[in-house]
Amino acid sequence: MFPYLLLLLFFVLMVVFTAGGLYFALLVVRPKCFSVEETYRIEIETGKMSEAEWLSWERQEVVIPSPFGYDLFGVYLPLAGADRTVIIAHGITYTLFGSVKYVNLFRRRGFNVLLYDHRNHGRSGGRWSTFGYYEKHDLAAWMAWAKKQLTDSGILGVMGESFGAAVAIQCLGETPGADFLVCDCSFSDLTKLLAHRLQVDYHLPAFPLLPLASLWSRVLTGMAFEDISPLRDVAKIAVPCLFIHGLEDKLTPARMSEALYAAKTTGIRSLYLAPRADHAMSFSSDPQAYEAQVSALLDKTALVREY
């Protein structure tokens, strides 16, 4: 009788852990996202975005094909006479409206700005969010589109916030063509980030739930958690990079941007740790200090110019 009880207990535990792994995997790759309308309203109500200013800018809605067969939606904000463009990638569960707060920072320096929705977000297609596994190729497609709008001597920069910053690092680690990169509150390694969130949010150890969730993720999306490591990819980037992180970030520890900064050993790099700033709040907490850091990066690369 006793061996049968052990076998039953083992079977029950396997079912529980397998179901738990699937549940956690779905939380990661199929997050509940805000709608376009919600993000538009939130950004205006919180004062991060001026509706009047947004409506006053020349805007072009752009749809391009993803390499994976769905449409990608973006908004291009051209500036008369500008031969430089920055692409801004938003954070997870949000839309391109989360990037609008950064627009003037670059327009003042003579940049066209391209905002876009990641796959599985906003008005873009795609079923799963894969933290860069597919998104880095989508960003590469946007880079190719943006470069076609410039002359051969034009300048192309990339900025990412949170999820978008991690995507940008992975993209530029494989795809040449950008002249600089601004990374705001990126994670350094997906497995380490998820282990941290399991401990903080659920008081659970990484094993065995995280390996099972990673396996489920690979089955569902083709991406295992261990595939995603901006820390591994940042070492391949030679262009100037600015790493930004709020010291009071409760979602992604600031030590992750410190690790990314340390791992980029080629070319210009700088690190700004914003005091008293929570996740993705470094700009809102002190716009002047934030802008000074971006200006310093562009100045070092001889790219800055008041427009």
Protein backbone atom coordinates (compact mmCIF):
# COMPACT_ATOMS: atom_id res chain seq x y z
CA MET A 1 0.00 0.00 0.00
CA PHE A 2 2.77 2.43 0.95
CA PRO A 3 4.55 2.31 -2.48
CA TYR A 4 1.23 3.13 -4.16
CA LEU A 5 0.77 6.15 -1.91
CA LEU A 6 4.26 7.34 -2.81
CA LEU A 7 3.51 6.85 -6.48
CA LEU A 8 0.24 8.75 -6.12
CA LEU A 9 1.98 11.56 -4.27
CA PHE A 10 4.65 11.74 -6.97
CA PHE A 11 1.98 11.88 -9.67
CA VAL A 12 0.07 14.64 -7.86
CA LEU A 13 3.25 16.69 -7.39
CA MET A 14 4.14 16.29 -11.05
CA VAL A 15 0.69 17.50 -12.09
CA VAL A 16 0.87 20.46 -9.70
CA PHE A 17 4.36 21.50 -10.80
CA THR A 18 3.57 21.03 -14.49
CA ALA A 19 0.38 23.09 -14.19
CA GLY A 20 2.24 25.69 -12.16
CA GLY A 21 4.95 25.88 -14.80
CA LEU A 22 2.36 26.42 -17.53
CA TYR A 23 0.59 29.07 -15.50
CA PHE A 24 3.81 30.99 -14.85
CA ALA A 25 4.92 30.63 -18.48
CA LEU A 26 1.63 32.17 -19.64
CA LEU A 27 2.07 35.05 -17.20
CA VAL A 28 5.41 35.75 -18.86
CA VAL A 29 4.69 35.27 -22.56
CA ARG A 30 1.02 36.25 -22.65
CA PRO A 31 0.82 39.22 -20.26
CA LYS A 32 -2.33 41.28 -19.89
CA CYS A 33 -1.65 44.36 -21.99
CA PHE A 34 -3.16 47.83 -21.86
CA SER A 35 -5.22 48.91 -24.83
CA VAL A 36 -4.20 51.75 -27.13
CA GLU A 37 -7.01 53.89 -25.72
CA GLU A 38 -6.01 53.18 -22.11
CA THR A 39 -2.37 54.13 -22.64
CA TYR A 40 -3.32 57.30 -24.50
CA ARG A 41 -5.59 58.34 -21.61
CA ILE A 42 -3.11 57.38 -18.89
CA GLU A 43 -0.23 59.31 -20.43
CA ILE A 44 -2.39 62.45 -20.75
CA GLU A 45 -3.95 62.18 -17.29
CA THR A 46 -0.56 61.70 -15.62
CA GLY A 47 0.88 64.70 -17.44
CA LYS A 48 3.52 62.68 -19.26
CA MET A 49 2.03 63.54 -22.64
CA SER A 50 0.43 66.73 -23.95
CA GLU A 51 -2.49 65.89 -26.20
CA ALA A 52 -2.36 69.32 -27.85
CA GLU A 53 1.32 68.90 -28.63
CA TRP A 54 0.83 65.36 -29.91
CA LEU A 55 -1.91 66.53 -32.26
CA SER A 56 0.20 69.46 -33.43
CA TRP A 57 3.10 67.33 -34.66
CA GLU A 58 3.22 66.04 -38.20
CA ARG A 59 2.53 62.33 -37.87
CA GLN A 60 2.68 59.45 -40.31
CA GLU A 61 1.17 56.10 -39.41
CA VAL A 62 3.41 53.33 -40.73
CA VAL A 63 2.73 49.61 -41.08
CA ILE A 64 5.55 47.26 -42.03
CA PRO A 65 5.70 43.45 -42.19
CA SER A 66 7.43 41.56 -39.43
CA PRO A 67 9.84 38.85 -40.58
CA PHE A 68 7.43 36.47 -38.85
CA GLY A 69 4.34 37.23 -40.93
CA TYR A 70 2.33 39.76 -38.92
CA ASP A 71 2.04 43.53 -39.24
CA LEU A 72 3.98 46.00 -37.10
CA PHE A 73 2.42 49.39 -36.39
CA GLY A 74 4.35 52.60 -35.82
CA VAL A 75 4.06 56.37 -35.87
CA TYR A 76 6.77 58.43 -37.56
CA LEU A 77 7.23 62.03 -36.45
CA PRO A 78 9.31 63.72 -39.16
CA LEU A 79 11.11 66.98 -38.48
CA ALA A 80 11.66 69.31 -41.43
CA GLY A 81 15.23 69.11 -42.71
CA ALA A 82 16.30 66.43 -40.23
CA ASP A 83 18.69 63.72 -41.45
CA ARG A 84 18.74 61.84 -38.16
CA THR A 85 16.19 59.54 -36.56
CA VAL A 86 15.77 57.84 -33.21
CA ILE A 87 13.58 54.76 -32.76
CA ILE A 88 12.01 54.43 -29.31
CA ALA A 89 10.84 51.04 -28.00
CA HIS A 90 8.29 50.96 -25.17
CA GLY A 91 7.95 48.71 -22.12
CA ILE A 92 5.97 45.50 -21.68
CA THR A 93 2.14 45.56 -21.52
CA TYR A 94 2.11 49.14 -22.86
CA THR A 95 1.99 50.82 -26.29
CA LEU A 96 3.96 53.40 -28.23
CA PHE A 97 2.24 56.17 -26.25
CA GLY A 98 4.53 55.32 -23.35
CA SER A 99 7.42 56.60 -25.48
CA VAL A 100 5.90 60.00 -26.29
CA LYS A 101 7.40 61.59 -23.15
CA TYR A 102 10.87 61.19 -24.68
CA VAL A 103 10.04 62.75 -28.06
CA ASN A 104 10.95 66.36 -27.32
CA LEU A 105 14.25 65.29 -25.81
CA PHE A 106 15.31 64.21 -29.32
CA ARG A 107 13.32 66.69 -31.44
CA ARG A 108 15.20 69.52 -29.74
CA ARG A 109 18.36 67.93 -31.06
CA GLY A 110 17.21 67.65 -34.64
CA PHE A 111 15.85 64.09 -34.71
CA ASN A 112 12.93 62.56 -36.47
CA VAL A 113 11.29 60.14 -34.04
CA LEU A 114 9.84 56.71 -34.81
CA LEU A 115 7.59 55.12 -32.19
CA TYR A 116 6.22 51.61 -32.63
CA ASP A 117 4.21 48.89 -30.90
CA HIS A 118 5.97 45.62 -30.08
CA ARG A 119 4.41 42.37 -31.24
CA ASN A 120 1.46 41.32 -29.05
CA HIS A 121 1.06 44.99 -28.05
CA GLY A 122 -1.04 47.92 -29.28
CA ARG A 123 -1.83 47.78 -32.97
CA SER A 124 0.90 45.30 -33.92
CA GLY A 125 0.23 41.63 -34.55
CA GLY A 126 1.91 38.59 -33.04
CA ARG A 127 0.58 36.29 -30.35
CA TRP A 128 3.35 36.02 -27.76
CA SER A 129 5.74 38.37 -25.98
CA THR A 130 9.22 36.82 -26.08
CA PHE A 131 11.43 39.48 -24.44
CA GLY A 132 13.57 39.95 -27.52
CA TYR A 133 13.63 36.48 -29.09
CA TYR A 134 11.40 37.64 -31.95
CA GLU A 135 11.16 41.33 -31.04
CA LYS A 136 14.83 41.98 -31.86
CA HIS A 137 14.14 41.02 -35.48
CA ASP A 138 11.09 43.28 -35.56
CA LEU A 139 13.25 46.17 -34.35
CA ALA A 140 15.81 45.34 -37.04
CA ALA A 141 12.98 45.67 -39.60
CA TRP A 142 12.14 49.11 -38.19
CA MET A 143 15.81 50.10 -38.38
CA ALA A 144 15.90 49.12 -42.04
CA TRP A 145 12.73 51.18 -42.70
CA ALA A 146 14.10 54.20 -40.83
CA LYS A 147 17.41 54.13 -42.68
CA LYS A 148 15.56 54.29 -45.99
CA GLN A 149 14.14 57.66 -44.92
CA LEU A 150 17.67 59.06 -44.39
CA THR A 151 20.59 59.85 -46.66
CA ASP A 152 23.69 57.68 -46.62
CA SER A 153 25.25 60.03 -44.06
CA GLY A 154 22.14 60.16 -41.86
CA ILE A 155 22.27 59.20 -38.19
CA LEU A 156 20.15 56.47 -36.61
CA GLY A 157 19.79 55.99 -32.87
CA VAL A 158 17.79 53.54 -30.76
CA MET A 159 16.28 54.05 -27.33
CA GLY A 160 14.46 51.48 -25.25
CA GLU A 161 12.62 51.53 -21.95
CA SER A 162 12.52 48.40 -19.76
CA PHE A 163 11.38 45.51 -22.01
CA GLY A 164 12.15 47.75 -24.99
CA ALA A 165 15.68 48.40 -23.73
CA ALA A 166 16.35 44.67 -23.44
CA VAL A 167 15.01 44.18 -26.97
CA ALA A 168 17.25 46.98 -28.25
CA ILE A 169 20.38 45.48 -26.69
CA GLN A 170 19.67 42.09 -28.23
CA CYS A 171 18.94 43.66 -31.60
CA LEU A 172 22.08 45.79 -31.75
CA GLY A 173 24.13 42.86 -30.55
CA GLU A 174 23.27 41.15 -33.83
CA THR A 175 22.27 43.94 -36.23
CA PRO A 176 24.69 46.73 -37.20
CA GLY A 177 23.45 50.09 -38.40
CA ALA A 178 22.63 52.17 -35.32
CA ASP A 179 24.92 55.00 -34.21
CA PHE A 180 24.02 55.05 -30.50
CA LEU A 181 21.85 53.32 -27.94
CA VAL A 182 20.02 54.59 -24.83
CA CYS A 183 18.87 51.84 -22.45
CA ASP A 184 16.51 52.79 -19.63
CA CYS A 185 16.00 50.19 -16.86
CA SER A 186 16.75 47.07 -18.89
CA PHE A 187 17.03 43.67 -17.26
CA SER A 188 20.33 41.88 -17.74
CA ASP A 189 19.13 38.27 -17.91
CA LEU A 190 15.56 36.98 -18.16
CA THR A 191 16.08 33.92 -15.98
CA LYS A 192 17.63 36.02 -13.20
CA LEU A 193 14.86 38.60 -13.46
CA LEU A 194 12.12 35.98 -13.25
CA ALA A 195 13.85 34.24 -10.33
CA HIS A 196 13.92 37.61 -8.57
CA ARG A 197 10.23 38.21 -9.29
CA LEU A 198 9.29 34.72 -8.07
CA GLN A 199 11.04 35.40 -4.80
CA VAL A 200 9.70 38.93 -4.30
CA ASP A 201 6.14 38.50 -5.60
CA TYR A 202 5.36 34.90 -4.68
CA HIS A 203 8.03 33.99 -2.08
CA LEU A 204 8.90 30.94 -4.18
CA PRO A 205 12.29 29.47 -5.12
CA ALA A 206 13.32 29.35 -8.76
CA PHE A 207 13.50 25.55 -8.80
CA PRO A 208 11.56 23.62 -10.00
CA LEU A 209 8.98 26.13 -11.25
CA LEU A 210 11.26 28.26 -13.42
CA PRO A 211 12.78 25.41 -15.48
CA LEU A 212 9.30 23.99 -16.07
CA ALA A 213 7.95 27.39 -17.10
CA SER A 214 10.90 27.83 -19.43
CA LEU A 215 10.15 24.48 -21.02
CA TRP A 216 6.51 25.45 -21.48
CA SER A 217 7.60 28.74 -23.00
CA ARG A 218 9.75 26.92 -25.55
CA VAL A 219 6.81 24.65 -26.44
CA LEU A 220 4.41 27.58 -26.81
CA THR A 221 6.64 30.21 -28.43
CA GLY A 222 9.97 28.66 -29.42
CA MET A 223 11.74 30.76 -26.76
CA ALA A 224 13.23 29.36 -23.57
CA PHE A 225 13.98 31.81 -20.79
CA GLU A 226 17.69 31.05 -20.93
CA ASP A 227 17.76 32.25 -24.56
CA ILE A 228 17.27 35.83 -23.39
CA SER A 229 20.39 37.48 -22.01
CA PRO A 230 21.08 41.15 -22.82
CA LEU A 231 24.15 40.78 -20.63
CA ARG A 232 25.56 38.31 -23.13
CA ASP A 233 24.62 40.48 -26.11
CA VAL A 234 25.77 43.87 -24.85
CA ALA A 235 29.42 42.81 -25.11
CA LYS A 236 28.97 42.69 -28.91
CA ILE A 237 27.87 46.33 -29.14
CA ALA A 238 30.54 48.83 -30.15
CA VAL A 239 28.40 51.96 -30.60
CA PRO A 240 28.07 54.50 -27.76
CA CYS A 241 25.63 53.41 -25.06
CA LEU A 242 23.96 55.17 -22.15
CA PHE A 243 22.56 52.95 -19.40
CA ILE A 244 19.93 54.52 -17.13
CA HIS A 245 18.26 53.05 -14.06
CA GLY A 246 16.28 54.30 -11.09
CA LEU A 247 17.94 53.48 -7.79
CA GLU A 248 14.53 52.80 -6.22
CA ASP A 249 13.42 50.44 -9.00
CA LYS A 250 11.24 47.80 -7.34
CA LEU A 251 10.62 45.77 -10.49
CA THR A 252 14.06 45.39 -12.05
CA PRO A 253 17.02 45.90 -9.72
CA ALA A 254 19.40 48.72 -10.64
CA ARG A 255 22.30 46.27 -10.34
CA MET A 256 21.17 44.82 -13.67
CA SER A 257 22.03 48.04 -15.54
CA GLU A 258 25.27 48.22 -13.59
CA ALA A 259 26.09 44.73 -14.86
CA LEU A 260 25.25 45.73 -18.44
CA TYR A 261 27.46 48.80 -18.16
CA ALA A 262 30.35 46.68 -16.86
CA ALA A 263 29.89 44.10 -19.62
CA LYS A 264 30.13 46.64 -22.46
CA THR A 265 33.89 46.87 -22.80
CA THR A 266 34.09 48.28 -26.34
CA GLY A 267 33.45 51.91 -27.24
CA ILE A 268 31.87 54.79 -25.36
CA ARG A 269 29.60 53.96 -22.44
CA SER A 270 28.04 55.84 -19.55
CA LEU A 271 25.81 54.98 -16.59
CA TYR A 272 23.23 57.18 -14.89
CA LEU A 273 21.60 55.92 -11.70
CA ALA A 274 18.68 58.21 -10.96
CA PRO A 275 18.17 58.83 -7.23
CA ARG A 276 14.67 58.21 -5.81
CA ALA A 277 13.38 56.94 -9.17
CA ASP A 278 11.25 53.79 -9.43
CA HIS A 279 10.92 51.60 -12.52
CA ALA A 280 10.85 53.62 -15.77
CA MET A 281 10.51 56.83 -13.75
CA SER A 282 14.02 58.24 -14.15
CA PHE A 283 12.89 60.79 -16.74
CA SER A 284 9.74 61.83 -14.89
CA SER A 285 11.59 62.20 -11.58
CA ASP A 286 14.18 64.63 -13.00
CA PRO A 287 13.78 65.54 -16.69
CA GLN A 288 16.65 68.03 -16.64
CA ALA A 289 19.17 65.55 -15.25
CA TYR A 290 17.95 62.88 -17.67
CA GLU A 291 18.24 65.19 -20.66
CA ALA A 292 21.73 66.23 -19.58
CA GLN A 293 22.81 62.57 -19.62
CA VAL A 294 21.45 62.03 -23.13
CA SER A 295 23.08 65.27 -24.32
CA ALA A 296 26.38 64.17 -22.84
CA LEU A 297 26.24 60.89 -24.75
CA LEU A 298 25.41 62.62 -28.03
CA ASP A 299 28.06 65.26 -27.38
CA LYS A 300 30.72 62.60 -26.88
CA THR A 301 29.83 61.16 -30.25
CA ALA A 302 29.59 64.59 -31.93
CA LEU A 303 25.92 63.96 -32.67
CA VAL A 304 24.30 66.68 -30.58
CA ARG A 305 22.87 69.81 -32.17
CA GLU A 306 20.17 72.13 -30.93
CA TYR A 307 17.55 72.33 -33.66
